[in-house]
Amino acid sequence: MVYRSQQMAAELVTENYYAEELQFQKKIDARAAANSLSRKVAIEYIDAQDAIVVSFPAECLKENIKGNIYFYNPASGKQDRIIPITMDAQGLQVIAAGKIAKGTYSVQVEWSMSDKAYSTDIPFTKL
């Protein structure tokens, strides 16, 4: 059996494994940075306003953050949405609920502030 394993080809899954590993490490670092903030990014649907509200930690209020909110629907890629972050002075971003179809989403919030990347994933269901 040892002889046979030595005879088998050992090919890489991807040609750019080192570059992809670095990108993966950057995602891990961005998630760790987001987890180190005073609280996590939160998302909720407010029926009375027919709006989806994303709230950011207090640290984000002091900074000019740039990034996007990604709504990924595993049942239908046609319902995926990318919304640029434009939070108000209270650290809230209000999204018109009509922009997002009913369904279950994996919401990924990626942003940068002070030249540091942050990322978090939040499950979300719009009924």
N, C-alpha and C. Protein backbone atom coordinates (compact mmCIF):
# COMPACT_ATOMS: atom_id res chain seq x y z
N MET A 1 0.82 -1.20 0.00
CA MET A 1 0.00 0.00 0.00
C MET A 1 0.86 1.26 0.00
N VAL A 2 1.96 1.24 0.71
CA VAL A 2 2.85 2.39 0.72
C VAL A 2 3.42 2.63 -0.66
N TYR A 3 3.76 1.56 -1.33
CA TYR A 3 4.30 1.68 -2.68
C TYR A 3 3.28 2.32 -3.60
N ARG A 4 2.03 1.92 -3.50
CA ARG A 4 0.98 2.45 -4.37
C ARG A 4 0.75 3.93 -4.12
N SER A 5 0.76 4.37 -2.89
CA SER A 5 0.55 5.79 -2.61
C SER A 5 1.68 6.64 -3.16
N GLN A 6 2.86 6.09 -3.22
CA GLN A 6 3.99 6.82 -3.79
C GLN A 6 3.86 6.95 -5.31
N GLN A 7 3.11 6.07 -5.91
CA GLN A 7 2.95 6.08 -7.35
C GLN A 7 1.80 6.97 -7.82
N MET A 8 0.94 7.40 -6.90
CA MET A 8 -0.21 8.21 -7.25
C MET A 8 0.19 9.67 -7.43
N ALA A 9 -0.44 10.33 -8.38
CA ALA A 9 -0.15 11.74 -8.64
C ALA A 9 -0.67 12.60 -7.49
N ALA A 10 0.09 13.60 -7.13
CA ALA A 10 -0.32 14.53 -6.08
C ALA A 10 -0.41 15.91 -6.72
N GLU A 11 -1.60 16.21 -7.25
CA GLU A 11 -1.79 17.48 -7.93
C GLU A 11 -2.47 18.47 -7.00
N LEU A 12 -2.22 19.73 -7.23
CA LEU A 12 -2.85 20.78 -6.46
C LEU A 12 -4.28 20.97 -6.93
N VAL A 13 -5.14 21.35 -6.02
CA VAL A 13 -6.53 21.62 -6.38
C VAL A 13 -6.61 22.88 -7.23
N THR A 14 -5.77 23.83 -6.94
CA THR A 14 -5.73 25.08 -7.68
C THR A 14 -4.29 25.47 -7.95
N GLU A 15 -4.07 26.13 -9.04
CA GLU A 15 -2.73 26.56 -9.39
C GLU A 15 -2.24 27.70 -8.48
N ASN A 16 -3.17 28.53 -8.02
CA ASN A 16 -2.83 29.72 -7.23
C ASN A 16 -3.13 29.51 -5.75
N TYR A 17 -2.77 28.38 -5.23
CA TYR A 17 -3.14 28.06 -3.85
C TYR A 17 -2.56 29.05 -2.85
N TYR A 18 -1.34 29.53 -3.08
CA TYR A 18 -0.74 30.46 -2.13
C TYR A 18 -1.49 31.79 -2.11
N ALA A 19 -1.81 32.32 -3.28
CA ALA A 19 -2.56 33.59 -3.36
C ALA A 19 -3.95 33.42 -2.75
N GLU A 20 -4.59 32.28 -3.02
CA GLU A 20 -5.92 32.05 -2.45
C GLU A 20 -5.86 31.90 -0.93
N GLU A 21 -4.81 31.29 -0.43
CA GLU A 21 -4.64 31.15 1.01
C GLU A 21 -4.47 32.52 1.67
N LEU A 22 -3.75 33.42 1.02
CA LEU A 22 -3.59 34.78 1.55
C LEU A 22 -4.93 35.51 1.59
N GLN A 23 -5.74 35.35 0.55
CA GLN A 23 -7.07 35.97 0.52
C GLN A 23 -7.94 35.40 1.63
N PHE A 24 -7.87 34.10 1.83
CA PHE A 24 -8.64 33.46 2.90
C PHE A 24 -8.21 33.98 4.26
N GLN A 25 -6.91 34.15 4.45
CA GLN A 25 -6.40 34.68 5.72
C GLN A 25 -6.88 36.10 5.95
N LYS A 26 -6.98 36.90 4.88
CA LYS A 26 -7.50 38.26 5.01
C LYS A 26 -8.95 38.25 5.48
N LYS A 27 -9.74 37.28 4.99
CA LYS A 27 -11.13 37.17 5.43
C LYS A 27 -11.20 36.79 6.91
N ILE A 28 -10.34 35.88 7.32
CA ILE A 28 -10.29 35.48 8.73
C ILE A 28 -9.93 36.68 9.60
N ASP A 29 -8.94 37.45 9.17
CA ASP A 29 -8.51 38.64 9.92
C ASP A 29 -9.63 39.68 9.98
N ALA A 30 -10.37 39.86 8.87
CA ALA A 30 -11.47 40.84 8.85
C ALA A 30 -12.59 40.41 9.79
N ARG A 31 -12.87 39.14 9.87
CA ARG A 31 -13.91 38.66 10.79
C ARG A 31 -13.46 38.81 12.24
N ALA A 32 -12.18 38.54 12.50
CA ALA A 32 -11.65 38.72 13.86
C ALA A 32 -11.71 40.19 14.26
N ALA A 33 -11.42 41.09 13.32
CA ALA A 33 -11.48 42.52 13.61
C ALA A 33 -12.91 42.93 13.94
N ALA A 34 -13.88 42.43 13.19
CA ALA A 34 -15.29 42.77 13.46
C ALA A 34 -15.73 42.21 14.81
N ASN A 35 -15.26 41.03 15.16
CA ASN A 35 -15.62 40.43 16.45
C ASN A 35 -14.99 41.16 17.63
N SER A 36 -13.93 41.93 17.38
CA SER A 36 -13.27 42.66 18.46
C SER A 36 -13.94 44.00 18.78
N LEU A 37 -14.91 44.41 17.98
CA LEU A 37 -15.60 45.68 18.22
C LEU A 37 -16.52 45.57 19.43
N SER A 38 -17.02 46.69 19.91
CA SER A 38 -17.84 46.73 21.12
C SER A 38 -19.12 45.89 21.00
N ARG A 39 -19.64 45.77 19.80
CA ARG A 39 -20.79 44.89 19.55
C ARG A 39 -20.80 44.51 18.09
N LYS A 40 -21.57 43.52 17.75
CA LYS A 40 -21.64 43.05 16.37
C LYS A 40 -22.61 43.90 15.56
N VAL A 41 -22.41 43.90 14.27
CA VAL A 41 -23.37 44.51 13.36
C VAL A 41 -24.66 43.71 13.48
N ALA A 42 -25.79 44.42 13.50
CA ALA A 42 -27.10 43.75 13.64
C ALA A 42 -27.99 44.15 12.47
N ILE A 43 -28.93 43.27 12.15
CA ILE A 43 -29.87 43.55 11.08
C ILE A 43 -31.26 43.11 11.53
N GLU A 44 -32.25 43.95 11.23
CA GLU A 44 -33.62 43.59 11.58
C GLU A 44 -34.60 44.20 10.58
N TYR A 45 -35.73 43.54 10.46
CA TYR A 45 -36.80 44.05 9.61
C TYR A 45 -37.81 44.76 10.50
N ILE A 46 -38.12 46.01 10.16
CA ILE A 46 -39.10 46.78 10.94
C ILE A 46 -40.35 46.92 10.09
N ASP A 47 -41.36 46.15 10.46
CA ASP A 47 -42.59 46.05 9.67
C ASP A 47 -43.30 47.40 9.56
N ALA A 48 -43.35 48.16 10.65
CA ALA A 48 -44.07 49.44 10.64
C ALA A 48 -43.48 50.43 9.63
N GLN A 49 -42.18 50.34 9.40
CA GLN A 49 -41.51 51.23 8.45
C GLN A 49 -41.30 50.56 7.09
N ASP A 50 -41.63 49.28 7.01
CA ASP A 50 -41.35 48.48 5.82
C ASP A 50 -39.90 48.69 5.40
N ALA A 51 -39.01 48.52 6.39
CA ALA A 51 -37.58 48.78 6.16
C ALA A 51 -36.72 47.72 6.85
N ILE A 52 -35.56 47.52 6.28
CA ILE A 52 -34.54 46.68 6.88
C ILE A 52 -33.49 47.63 7.44
N VAL A 53 -33.18 47.46 8.72
CA VAL A 53 -32.24 48.37 9.38
C VAL A 53 -30.99 47.60 9.78
N VAL A 54 -29.86 48.11 9.34
CA VAL A 54 -28.56 47.55 9.71
C VAL A 54 -27.93 48.53 10.68
N SER A 55 -27.54 48.05 11.85
CA SER A 55 -26.92 48.93 12.84
C SER A 55 -25.46 48.53 13.06
N PHE A 56 -24.61 49.54 13.09
CA PHE A 56 -23.17 49.35 13.22
C PHE A 56 -22.71 49.70 14.64
N PRO A 57 -21.59 49.13 15.08
CA PRO A 57 -21.04 49.44 16.41
C PRO A 57 -20.63 50.91 16.53
N ALA A 58 -20.51 51.37 17.76
CA ALA A 58 -20.18 52.76 18.03
C ALA A 58 -18.85 53.19 17.41
N GLU A 59 -17.89 52.27 17.31
CA GLU A 59 -16.59 52.62 16.73
C GLU A 59 -16.72 53.12 15.29
N CYS A 60 -17.75 52.67 14.60
CA CYS A 60 -17.95 53.06 13.20
C CYS A 60 -18.45 54.49 13.05
N LEU A 61 -19.01 55.05 14.14
CA LEU A 61 -19.53 56.42 14.08
C LEU A 61 -18.43 57.45 13.90
N LYS A 62 -17.26 57.16 14.44
CA LYS A 62 -16.15 58.11 14.40
C LYS A 62 -15.41 58.08 13.07
N GLU A 63 -15.66 57.08 12.27
CA GLU A 63 -14.88 56.86 11.06
C GLU A 63 -15.73 57.04 9.80
N ASN A 64 -15.07 57.29 8.72
CA ASN A 64 -15.71 57.32 7.42
C ASN A 64 -15.55 55.91 6.83
N ILE A 65 -16.54 55.08 7.06
CA ILE A 65 -16.40 53.69 6.61
C ILE A 65 -16.86 53.56 5.16
N LYS A 66 -16.25 52.61 4.48
CA LYS A 66 -16.60 52.29 3.10
C LYS A 66 -16.79 50.79 3.01
N GLY A 67 -17.80 50.38 2.26
CA GLY A 67 -18.01 48.96 2.08
C GLY A 67 -19.37 48.66 1.50
N ASN A 68 -19.74 47.40 1.59
CA ASN A 68 -21.00 46.93 1.01
C ASN A 68 -21.70 45.95 1.94
N ILE A 69 -23.02 45.87 1.73
CA ILE A 69 -23.85 44.87 2.40
C ILE A 69 -24.32 43.93 1.31
N TYR A 70 -23.98 42.66 1.43
CA TYR A 70 -24.33 41.65 0.43
C TYR A 70 -25.47 40.78 0.97
N PHE A 71 -26.55 40.73 0.25
CA PHE A 71 -27.66 39.84 0.58
C PHE A 71 -27.57 38.65 -0.37
N TYR A 72 -27.19 37.48 0.15
CA TYR A 72 -27.08 36.27 -0.66
C TYR A 72 -28.25 35.35 -0.33
N ASN A 73 -29.04 35.02 -1.35
CA ASN A 73 -30.16 34.11 -1.18
C ASN A 73 -29.75 32.75 -1.74
N PRO A 74 -29.59 31.73 -0.88
CA PRO A 74 -29.12 30.44 -1.36
C PRO A 74 -30.13 29.74 -2.28
N ALA A 75 -31.40 30.12 -2.22
CA ALA A 75 -32.41 29.49 -3.06
C ALA A 75 -32.48 30.08 -4.46
N SER A 76 -32.04 31.33 -4.60
CA SER A 76 -32.15 31.99 -5.90
C SER A 76 -31.12 33.12 -6.02
N GLY A 77 -30.14 32.92 -6.85
CA GLY A 77 -29.13 33.94 -7.08
C GLY A 77 -29.70 35.21 -7.68
N LYS A 78 -30.86 35.10 -8.31
CA LYS A 78 -31.50 36.28 -8.89
C LYS A 78 -31.94 37.28 -7.83
N GLN A 79 -32.09 36.80 -6.59
CA GLN A 79 -32.52 37.67 -5.50
C GLN A 79 -31.35 38.26 -4.72
N ASP A 80 -30.13 37.93 -5.10
CA ASP A 80 -28.95 38.50 -4.43
C ASP A 80 -28.90 40.01 -4.69
N ARG A 81 -28.48 40.75 -3.68
CA ARG A 81 -28.37 42.20 -3.80
C ARG A 81 -27.07 42.68 -3.16
N ILE A 82 -26.51 43.73 -3.72
CA ILE A 82 -25.34 44.39 -3.15
C ILE A 82 -25.73 45.84 -2.90
N ILE A 83 -25.61 46.28 -1.64
CA ILE A 83 -26.00 47.63 -1.27
C ILE A 83 -24.80 48.33 -0.63
N PRO A 84 -24.39 49.48 -1.18
CA PRO A 84 -23.27 50.22 -0.59
C PRO A 84 -23.63 50.72 0.82
N ILE A 85 -22.66 50.74 1.70
CA ILE A 85 -22.89 51.22 3.06
C ILE A 85 -22.97 52.74 3.05
N THR A 86 -24.09 53.26 3.56
CA THR A 86 -24.30 54.71 3.72
C THR A 86 -25.04 54.92 5.03
N MET A 87 -24.38 54.65 6.13
CA MET A 87 -25.05 54.77 7.44
C MET A 87 -25.22 56.23 7.84
N ASP A 88 -26.20 56.45 8.72
CA ASP A 88 -26.46 57.81 9.19
C ASP A 88 -25.61 58.11 10.43
N ALA A 89 -25.83 59.26 11.05
CA ALA A 89 -25.02 59.71 12.20
C ALA A 89 -25.20 58.82 13.44
N GLN A 90 -26.28 58.03 13.49
CA GLN A 90 -26.52 57.13 14.61
C GLN A 90 -25.96 55.73 14.35
N GLY A 91 -25.31 55.55 13.20
CA GLY A 91 -24.75 54.25 12.88
C GLY A 91 -25.77 53.28 12.29
N LEU A 92 -26.84 53.83 11.73
CA LEU A 92 -27.89 52.98 11.15
C LEU A 92 -27.92 53.15 9.63
N GLN A 93 -28.23 52.08 8.97
CA GLN A 93 -28.50 52.15 7.54
C GLN A 93 -29.88 51.57 7.32
N VAL A 94 -30.75 52.39 6.75
CA VAL A 94 -32.12 51.97 6.48
C VAL A 94 -32.22 51.60 5.01
N ILE A 95 -32.68 50.38 4.76
CA ILE A 95 -32.83 49.87 3.39
C ILE A 95 -34.31 49.66 3.14
N ALA A 96 -34.82 50.23 2.07
CA ALA A 96 -36.23 50.01 1.71
C ALA A 96 -36.45 48.52 1.52
N ALA A 97 -37.43 47.98 2.23
CA ALA A 97 -37.68 46.54 2.20
C ALA A 97 -38.04 46.04 0.81
N GLY A 98 -38.58 46.92 -0.02
CA GLY A 98 -38.94 46.54 -1.38
C GLY A 98 -37.74 46.13 -2.24
N LYS A 99 -36.54 46.53 -1.83
CA LYS A 99 -35.34 46.16 -2.57
C LYS A 99 -34.96 44.70 -2.37
N ILE A 100 -35.48 44.11 -1.30
CA ILE A 100 -35.12 42.74 -0.94
C ILE A 100 -36.38 41.87 -0.98
N ALA A 101 -36.35 40.83 -1.79
CA ALA A 101 -37.49 39.92 -1.90
C ALA A 101 -37.62 39.07 -0.64
N LYS A 102 -38.80 38.54 -0.41
CA LYS A 102 -39.00 37.65 0.74
C LYS A 102 -38.13 36.42 0.56
N GLY A 103 -37.59 35.95 1.69
CA GLY A 103 -36.76 34.76 1.65
C GLY A 103 -35.71 34.76 2.75
N THR A 104 -34.90 33.74 2.72
CA THR A 104 -33.82 33.59 3.69
C THR A 104 -32.51 33.99 3.03
N TYR A 105 -31.73 34.78 3.75
CA TYR A 105 -30.49 35.32 3.21
C TYR A 105 -29.32 35.09 4.17
N SER A 106 -28.16 35.03 3.58
CA SER A 106 -26.92 35.16 4.34
C SER A 106 -26.44 36.57 4.02
N VAL A 107 -26.45 37.42 5.01
CA VAL A 107 -26.05 38.81 4.81
C VAL A 107 -24.59 38.95 5.22
N GLN A 108 -23.79 39.40 4.29
CA GLN A 108 -22.38 39.61 4.57
C GLN A 108 -22.11 41.10 4.51
N VAL A 109 -21.60 41.64 5.61
CA VAL A 109 -21.28 43.06 5.69
C VAL A 109 -19.76 43.16 5.69
N GLU A 110 -19.23 43.84 4.67
CA GLU A 110 -17.78 44.03 4.56
C GLU A 110 -17.50 45.53 4.48
N TRP A 111 -16.62 46.00 5.34
CA TRP A 111 -16.28 47.42 5.32
C TRP A 111 -14.85 47.63 5.76
N SER A 112 -14.38 48.85 5.52
CA SER A 112 -13.04 49.22 5.97
C SER A 112 -13.12 50.56 6.67
N MET A 113 -12.30 50.70 7.68
CA MET A 113 -12.16 51.98 8.38
C MET A 113 -10.74 52.02 8.93
N SER A 114 -10.15 53.20 8.86
CA SER A 114 -8.76 53.39 9.29
C SER A 114 -7.83 52.36 8.64
N ASP A 115 -8.05 52.12 7.36
CA ASP A 115 -7.22 51.20 6.58
C ASP A 115 -7.20 49.77 7.13
N LYS A 116 -8.29 49.38 7.79
CA LYS A 116 -8.40 48.02 8.32
C LYS A 116 -9.71 47.43 7.82
N ALA A 117 -9.67 46.16 7.42
CA ALA A 117 -10.85 45.48 6.88
C ALA A 117 -11.65 44.79 7.99
N TYR A 118 -12.98 44.80 7.82
CA TYR A 118 -13.90 44.17 8.75
C TYR A 118 -14.92 43.37 7.95
N SER A 119 -15.37 42.27 8.51
CA SER A 119 -16.36 41.45 7.82
C SER A 119 -17.16 40.66 8.84
N THR A 120 -18.46 40.51 8.55
CA THR A 120 -19.31 39.70 9.41
C THR A 120 -20.43 39.09 8.57
N ASP A 121 -20.89 37.93 8.99
CA ASP A 121 -22.01 37.24 8.33
C ASP A 121 -23.17 37.16 9.30
N ILE A 122 -24.37 37.47 8.78
CA ILE A 122 -25.56 37.49 9.62
C ILE A 122 -26.67 36.76 8.88
N PRO A 123 -27.29 35.76 9.51
CA PRO A 123 -28.46 35.14 8.87
C PRO A 123 -29.65 36.09 8.97
N PHE A 124 -30.49 36.14 7.93
CA PHE A 124 -31.62 37.07 7.91
C PHE A 124 -32.74 36.45 7.09
N THR A 125 -33.96 36.59 7.61
CA THR A 125 -35.13 36.12 6.88
C THR A 125 -36.13 37.26 6.79
N LYS A 126 -36.56 37.54 5.58
CA LYS A 126 -37.62 38.53 5.36
C LYS A 126 -38.89 37.75 5.07
N LEU A 127 -39.87 37.93 5.94
CA LEU A 127 -41.14 37.20 5.78
C LEU A 127 -42.12 37.96 4.93
